[in-house]
Amino acid sequence: MTSSEFKNFLTSIKPKPLHVLDASIPKSQYIALDLSERNTELQYVDVSSSKEFSIYINSYLKQHNAKVAYGGYNELRNIYNRSTHFDSLSEKRNIHLGIDLWCAEGTSIFTPIDGEIHSFKNNTNYGDYGPTIILKHNISGTVFYTLYGHLSLASIANLKVGETFSRGEQLAFLGDATVNGDYPPHLHFQIIKDIEGYLGDYPGVTSKKDLEFYLQNCPNPLLFLGF
């Protein structure tokens, strides 16, 4: 299946909107958030401090009378300059490959479609995912994966590889800055066509030189969630 065919497949599998957060939250309570290098407001925010970063996120939500701020796919971000985790020998990784859903610590995360636990892991590098779950999905013979990062430690405490979750079933909870890579609470949600042998982890940020591959392998999750 080509990347274009896979994108068309993702948009075709939803008979109605799919949800990773509480379905009762109306779309009017979601607000798009730009965390790219174009956002000049971030020049005045110490994003290396989860406390200061949280103040910015919470103020943005309050300003827009929203519960969830979302966005970030294919977004060039300066916020990764705070961590050597995103350094490489050739080029800094600073382009985001999933979408982020910024909301309250402890928010419940739900399974958008039927799947099974492919793998899970606590990715503890500074600026990393923290507790992470990867689900494997098989729809009419098409296999793909979804990744859920920045969860609570309790979310992965009793999981088993191969355990199944049905659409709409509670999967996890959002973690706080002490466990989620030192960020304001949020879910990193990413679709992955080929998991490439990774377990409990997959690149969520890439460099410009690898961008074309990752955009093909990790299509925009908004195609899937229907924002």
Protein backbone atom coordinates (compact mmCIF):
# COMPACT_ATOMS: atom_id res chain seq x y z
CA MET A 1 0.00 0.00 0.00
CA THR A 2 1.46 3.35 -1.03
CA SER A 3 1.49 6.30 1.34
CA SER A 4 -1.34 7.96 -0.62
CA GLU A 5 -3.40 4.78 -0.46
CA PHE A 6 -2.72 4.54 3.27
CA LYS A 7 -3.92 8.10 3.82
CA ASN A 8 -7.11 7.35 1.89
CA PHE A 9 -7.53 4.19 3.96
CA LEU A 10 -7.26 6.16 7.22
CA THR A 11 -9.98 8.58 6.17
CA SER A 12 -12.25 5.73 5.04
CA ILE A 13 -12.23 3.62 8.23
CA LYS A 14 -14.12 6.06 10.43
CA PRO A 15 -17.91 5.72 10.17
CA LYS A 16 -18.06 8.59 12.64
CA PRO A 17 -15.41 10.74 14.37
CA LEU A 18 -12.78 8.79 16.29
CA HIS A 19 -11.67 9.91 19.73
CA VAL A 20 -8.60 9.55 21.92
CA LEU A 21 -10.04 11.91 24.54
CA ASP A 22 -13.48 11.89 26.17
CA ALA A 23 -16.01 11.93 23.34
CA SER A 24 -18.26 14.22 25.40
CA ILE A 25 -15.81 17.12 24.97
CA PRO A 26 -17.37 19.15 22.12
CA LYS A 27 -15.22 20.29 19.21
CA SER A 28 -15.96 23.86 20.30
CA GLN A 29 -13.76 23.15 23.35
CA TYR A 30 -10.75 22.37 21.12
CA ILE A 31 -8.45 25.14 19.95
CA ALA A 32 -5.55 24.92 17.50
CA LEU A 33 -2.16 25.83 18.98
CA ASP A 34 0.95 26.85 17.04
CA LEU A 35 4.20 25.92 18.79
CA SER A 36 6.34 26.39 15.71
CA GLU A 37 9.27 28.75 15.38
CA ARG A 38 6.79 31.24 13.84
CA ASN A 39 5.10 31.76 17.21
CA THR A 40 6.90 34.86 18.47
CA GLU A 41 5.19 34.63 21.87
CA LEU A 42 7.44 31.67 22.69
CA GLN A 43 10.45 33.98 22.64
CA TYR A 44 9.25 35.18 26.03
CA VAL A 45 8.50 31.73 27.49
CA ASP A 46 11.14 29.60 29.18
CA VAL A 47 10.10 26.31 27.58
CA SER A 48 12.94 24.55 29.40
CA SER A 49 10.83 25.01 32.53
CA SER A 50 7.72 22.83 32.58
CA LYS A 51 6.23 25.26 35.10
CA GLU A 52 6.66 28.29 32.85
CA PHE A 53 5.59 26.32 29.77
CA SER A 54 2.46 25.15 31.64
CA ILE A 55 1.56 28.73 32.53
CA TYR A 56 1.66 29.58 28.83
CA ILE A 57 -0.47 26.58 27.82
CA ASN A 58 -3.04 27.12 30.58
CA SER A 59 -3.29 30.83 29.78
CA TYR A 60 -3.88 30.00 26.12
CA LEU A 61 -6.66 27.55 27.01
CA LYS A 62 -8.30 30.07 29.35
CA GLN A 63 -8.05 32.85 26.77
CA HIS A 64 -9.94 30.72 24.26
CA ASN A 65 -12.34 29.16 26.77
CA ALA A 66 -11.08 25.73 25.67
CA LYS A 67 -10.28 22.43 27.36
CA VAL A 68 -7.90 21.06 24.74
CA ALA A 69 -5.25 22.72 22.59
CA TYR A 70 -4.11 20.65 19.64
CA GLY A 71 -1.71 20.68 16.73
CA GLY A 72 1.90 20.22 15.81
CA TYR A 73 2.04 17.88 12.82
CA ASN A 74 5.02 18.64 10.56
CA GLU A 75 5.75 21.63 12.79
CA LEU A 76 9.29 23.02 13.01
CA ARG A 77 9.81 23.73 16.71
CA ASN A 78 12.52 25.48 18.69
CA ILE A 79 11.33 23.96 21.95
CA TYR A 80 13.53 20.90 21.39
CA ASN A 81 16.66 23.00 21.75
CA ARG A 82 16.32 22.49 25.50
CA SER A 83 17.36 18.83 25.34
CA THR A 84 20.36 16.99 23.91
CA HIS A 85 18.00 14.03 23.37
CA PHE A 86 17.13 15.62 20.01
CA ASP A 87 20.73 16.11 18.89
CA SER A 88 22.30 13.95 16.20
CA LEU A 89 25.68 13.77 14.52
CA SER A 90 24.45 15.53 11.40
CA GLU A 91 21.34 17.60 12.06
CA LYS A 92 19.10 18.57 14.98
CA ARG A 93 15.77 16.77 15.22
CA ASN A 94 13.17 19.54 15.52
CA ILE A 95 10.19 18.68 13.26
CA HIS A 96 7.21 17.12 15.05
CA LEU A 97 5.60 14.00 13.56
CA GLY A 98 2.42 13.51 15.59
CA ILE A 99 -0.18 15.81 17.05
CA ASP A 100 -0.19 17.01 20.64
CA LEU A 101 -3.37 17.32 22.68
CA TRP A 102 -2.63 19.69 25.57
CA CYS A 103 -5.04 19.23 28.46
CA ALA A 104 -5.15 18.49 32.19
CA GLU A 105 -2.96 15.99 33.99
CA GLY A 106 -4.85 12.75 34.62
CA THR A 107 -7.07 13.15 31.55
CA SER A 108 -8.34 9.77 30.36
CA ILE A 109 -7.07 8.45 27.03
CA PHE A 110 -9.37 6.18 25.02
CA THR A 111 -8.76 3.64 22.27
CA PRO A 112 -9.94 5.17 18.97
CA ILE A 113 -10.38 1.82 17.18
CA ASP A 114 -9.96 -1.83 18.17
CA GLY A 115 -6.33 -2.76 18.76
CA GLU A 116 -3.89 -4.77 20.81
CA ILE A 117 -0.85 -3.84 22.84
CA HIS A 118 2.15 -4.04 20.54
CA SER A 119 4.61 -2.72 23.12
CA PHE A 120 5.06 -0.23 25.94
CA LYS A 121 7.99 1.44 27.68
CA ASN A 122 8.98 4.27 29.97
CA ASN A 123 11.21 6.49 27.81
CA THR A 124 13.01 8.46 30.49
CA ASN A 125 15.32 10.81 28.58
CA TYR A 126 14.83 14.50 29.30
CA GLY A 127 12.32 15.74 26.74
CA ASP A 128 11.31 12.19 25.76
CA TYR A 129 7.85 10.53 25.87
CA GLY A 130 7.97 9.14 29.38
CA PRO A 131 5.48 6.25 29.66
CA THR A 132 4.43 5.21 26.15
CA ILE A 133 1.99 2.71 24.64
CA ILE A 134 1.95 1.47 21.05
CA LEU A 135 -1.20 -0.23 19.76
CA LYS A 136 -1.29 -2.52 16.74
CA HIS A 137 -4.36 -2.40 14.51
CA ASN A 138 -5.46 -4.78 11.77
CA ILE A 139 -8.40 -3.66 9.64
CA SER A 140 -9.29 -5.91 6.73
CA GLY A 141 -5.69 -7.08 6.52
CA THR A 142 -4.12 -3.63 6.72
CA VAL A 143 -1.81 -3.42 9.74
CA PHE A 144 -0.70 -0.13 11.27
CA TYR A 145 0.17 1.31 14.67
CA THR A 146 -0.78 4.20 16.93
CA LEU A 147 1.51 5.66 19.58
CA TYR A 148 0.44 7.34 22.83
CA GLY A 149 3.18 9.26 24.63
CA HIS A 150 3.52 11.27 27.87
CA LEU A 151 1.27 8.98 29.92
CA SER A 152 1.19 8.28 33.65
CA LEU A 153 3.35 5.52 35.13
CA ALA A 154 0.18 3.72 36.24
CA SER A 155 -0.89 3.50 32.60
CA ILE A 156 1.82 0.95 31.81
CA ALA A 157 2.04 -0.77 35.20
CA ASN A 158 -0.16 -3.78 34.44
CA LEU A 159 -0.16 -4.00 30.66
CA LYS A 160 0.59 -7.17 28.71
CA VAL A 161 1.76 -7.45 25.11
CA GLY A 162 -1.12 -8.81 23.05
CA GLU A 163 -3.78 -7.47 25.43
CA THR A 164 -6.74 -6.21 23.42
CA PHE A 165 -8.63 -2.95 23.72
CA SER A 166 -11.93 -2.17 22.04
CA ARG A 167 -12.87 1.12 20.46
CA GLY A 168 -13.90 3.58 23.15
CA GLU A 169 -12.25 1.60 25.97
CA GLN A 170 -10.11 3.53 28.42
CA LEU A 171 -6.45 2.92 27.62
CA ALA A 172 -4.42 5.27 29.81
CA PHE A 173 -4.14 8.58 31.68
CA LEU A 174 -1.96 11.61 31.02
CA GLY A 175 1.10 11.98 33.20
CA ASP A 176 2.53 15.10 34.78
CA ALA A 177 5.88 16.81 34.28
CA THR A 178 7.64 14.53 36.77
CA VAL A 179 7.22 11.51 34.47
CA ASN A 180 6.32 12.79 30.98
CA GLY A 181 9.69 14.15 29.85
CA ASP A 182 9.22 17.41 31.81
CA TYR A 183 6.45 18.94 29.71
CA PRO A 184 3.05 20.44 30.49
CA PRO A 185 0.54 17.55 30.45
CA HIS A 186 -0.35 16.47 26.93
CA LEU A 187 -0.84 13.44 24.73
CA HIS A 188 1.49 12.83 21.81
CA PHE A 189 -0.58 10.83 19.31
CA GLN A 190 1.06 9.44 16.20
CA ILE A 191 0.11 7.05 13.40
CA ILE A 192 2.82 4.71 12.14
CA LYS A 193 2.58 2.62 8.98
CA ASP A 194 5.80 0.59 9.47
CA ILE A 195 6.99 0.26 13.08
CA GLU A 196 10.49 -0.71 11.86
CA GLY A 197 11.11 -3.08 14.76
CA TYR A 198 10.76 -0.44 17.49
CA LEU A 199 9.32 -1.50 20.84
CA GLY A 200 7.63 1.00 23.15
CA ASP A 201 9.17 3.86 21.23
CA TYR A 202 9.29 5.43 17.77
CA PRO A 203 10.72 8.77 16.62
CA GLY A 204 8.20 11.53 17.23
CA VAL A 205 10.53 14.28 16.06
CA THR A 206 12.76 14.20 12.99
CA SER A 207 15.41 16.23 11.23
CA LYS A 208 14.85 17.91 7.89
CA LYS A 209 17.01 15.37 6.05
CA ASP A 210 14.76 12.48 7.15
CA LEU A 211 11.48 14.38 6.94
CA GLU A 212 10.23 12.97 3.63
CA PHE A 213 10.47 9.37 4.87
CA TYR A 214 8.69 10.08 8.14
CA LEU A 215 5.89 12.10 6.56
CA GLN A 216 5.19 9.09 4.35
CA ASN A 217 5.39 6.60 7.23
CA CYS A 218 3.54 8.79 9.76
CA PRO A 219 0.62 10.57 8.07
CA ASN A 220 -1.22 13.46 9.70
CA PRO A 221 -3.29 12.09 12.61
CA LEU A 222 -5.94 14.70 11.90
CA LEU A 223 -6.93 12.59 8.87
CA PHE A 224 -7.78 9.90 11.40
CA LEU A 225 -9.41 11.98 14.13
CA GLY A 226 -11.32 14.27 11.81
CA PHE A 227 -10.69 17.67 13.39
